Amino acid sequence: MKKKYIIRLSEEGQQSLTGLVRKGKEAAYRRTHAQILLSADEGVHGPGLQDKEVAERVGVHHRTV
């Protein structure tokens, strides 16, 4: 499956999303979307996973990604 959007987070953006995920006080949908962005990040520090791999890692349907 080809990626529809290429995500490259800045270091600041990545730190912000990581803090949001670790904090645990955000709404579930926000944490899920933050995890998706972090997993799909193709920047210097991101894993750059394909959409299907991101969906499996986060536990959502591939259409959500």
C-alpha atoms as a PDB file:
ATOM      1  CA  MET A   1       0.000   0.000   0.000  1.00  0.00           C
ATOM      2  CA  LYS A   2       1.444   3.337  -1.052  1.00  0.00           C
ATOM      3  CA  LYS A   3       1.587   6.140   1.474  1.00  0.00           C
ATOM      4  CA  LYS A   4      -0.856   8.942   0.836  1.00  0.00           C
ATOM      5  CA  TYR A   5       0.954  11.527   2.961  1.00  0.00           C
ATOM      6  CA  ILE A   6       4.621  11.787   3.865  1.00  0.00           C
ATOM      7  CA  ILE A   7       5.141  12.900   7.468  1.00  0.00           C
ATOM      8  CA  ARG A   8       8.365  14.530   8.595  1.00  0.00           C
ATOM      9  CA  LEU A   9       8.212  15.865  12.139  1.00  0.00           C
ATOM     10  CA  SER A  10      10.612  18.430  13.499  1.00  0.00           C
ATOM     11  CA  GLU A  11      12.448  17.573  16.697  1.00  0.00           C
ATOM     12  CA  GLU A  12      10.167  19.959  18.586  1.00  0.00           C
ATOM     13  CA  GLY A  13       7.034  18.375  17.116  1.00  0.00           C
ATOM     14  CA  GLN A  14       8.257  14.901  17.921  1.00  0.00           C
ATOM     15  CA  GLN A  15       8.988  15.864  21.530  1.00  0.00           C
ATOM     16  CA  SER A  16       5.571  17.460  21.864  1.00  0.00           C
ATOM     17  CA  LEU A  17       3.768  14.357  20.578  1.00  0.00           C
ATOM     18  CA  THR A  18       5.901  12.038  22.716  1.00  0.00           C
ATOM     19  CA  GLY A  19       5.009  14.102  25.782  1.00  0.00           C
ATOM     20  CA  LEU A  20       1.338  13.940  24.874  1.00  0.00           C
ATOM     21  CA  VAL A  21       1.464  10.149  24.585  1.00  0.00           C
ATOM     22  CA  ARG A  22       3.402   9.668  27.825  1.00  0.00           C
ATOM     23  CA  LYS A  23       1.336  12.134  29.832  1.00  0.00           C
ATOM     24  CA  GLY A  24      -1.727   9.885  29.820  1.00  0.00           C
ATOM     25  CA  LYS A  25      -4.259  12.619  30.594  1.00  0.00           C
ATOM     26  CA  GLU A  26      -5.278  13.363  27.017  1.00  0.00           C
ATOM     27  CA  ALA A  27      -8.359  11.987  25.282  1.00  0.00           C
ATOM     28  CA  ALA A  28      -7.861   8.526  23.787  1.00  0.00           C
ATOM     29  CA  TYR A  29      -8.318   9.691  20.193  1.00  0.00           C
ATOM     30  CA  ARG A  30      -5.605  12.345  20.624  1.00  0.00           C
ATOM     31  CA  ARG A  31      -3.155   9.817  22.051  1.00  0.00           C
ATOM     32  CA  THR A  32      -3.954   7.398  19.229  1.00  0.00           C
ATOM     33  CA  HIS A  33      -3.413  10.019  16.546  1.00  0.00           C
ATOM     34  CA  ALA A  34      -0.166  11.127  18.200  1.00  0.00           C
ATOM     35  CA  GLN A  35       1.049   7.509  18.177  1.00  0.00           C
ATOM     36  CA  ILE A  36       0.137   7.232  14.498  1.00  0.00           C
ATOM     37  CA  LEU A  37       2.099  10.375  13.626  1.00  0.00           C
ATOM     38  CA  LEU A  38       5.133   9.245  15.619  1.00  0.00           C
ATOM     39  CA  SER A  39       5.114   5.811  13.959  1.00  0.00           C
ATOM     40  CA  ALA A  40       4.706   7.194  10.439  1.00  0.00           C
ATOM     41  CA  ASP A  41       7.354   9.911  10.860  1.00  0.00           C
ATOM     42  CA  GLU A  42       9.968   9.694   8.110  1.00  0.00           C
ATOM     43  CA  GLY A  43      12.177  12.356   9.642  1.00  0.00           C
ATOM     44  CA  VAL A  44      15.644  11.819  11.075  1.00  0.00           C
ATOM     45  CA  HIS A  45      14.476  10.143  14.299  1.00  0.00           C
ATOM     46  CA  GLY A  46      11.273   8.497  13.087  1.00  0.00           C
ATOM     47  CA  PRO A  47      10.834   4.856  12.102  1.00  0.00           C
ATOM     48  CA  GLY A  48       8.973   5.696   8.857  1.00  0.00           C
ATOM     49  CA  LEU A  49       6.691   2.667   8.958  1.00  0.00           C
ATOM     50  CA  GLN A  50       4.218   1.901   6.174  1.00  0.00           C
ATOM     51  CA  ASP A  51       0.528   2.574   6.883  1.00  0.00           C
ATOM     52  CA  LYS A  52      -0.297  -1.098   7.412  1.00  0.00           C
ATOM     53  CA  GLU A  53       2.569  -1.495   9.904  1.00  0.00           C
ATOM     54  CA  VAL A  54       1.488   1.649  11.749  1.00  0.00           C
ATOM     55  CA  ALA A  55      -2.077   0.330  12.000  1.00  0.00           C
ATOM     56  CA  GLU A  56      -0.864  -2.970  13.452  1.00  0.00           C
ATOM     57  CA  ARG A  57       1.465  -1.245  15.922  1.00  0.00           C
ATOM     58  CA  VAL A  58      -1.132   1.217  17.195  1.00  0.00           C
ATOM     59  CA  GLY A  59      -4.084  -1.196  17.036  1.00  0.00           C
ATOM     60  CA  VAL A  60      -6.333   0.667  14.589  1.00  0.00           C
ATOM     61  CA  HIS A  61      -7.741  -0.001  11.131  1.00  0.00           C
ATOM     62  CA  HIS A  62      -5.472   0.942   8.207  1.00  0.00           C
ATOM     63  CA  ARG A  63      -8.062   3.504   7.049  1.00  0.00           C
ATOM     64  CA  THR A  64      -7.605   5.383  10.314  1.00  0.00           C
ATOM     65  CA  VAL A  65      -3.949   5.867   9.456  1.00  0.00           C
END
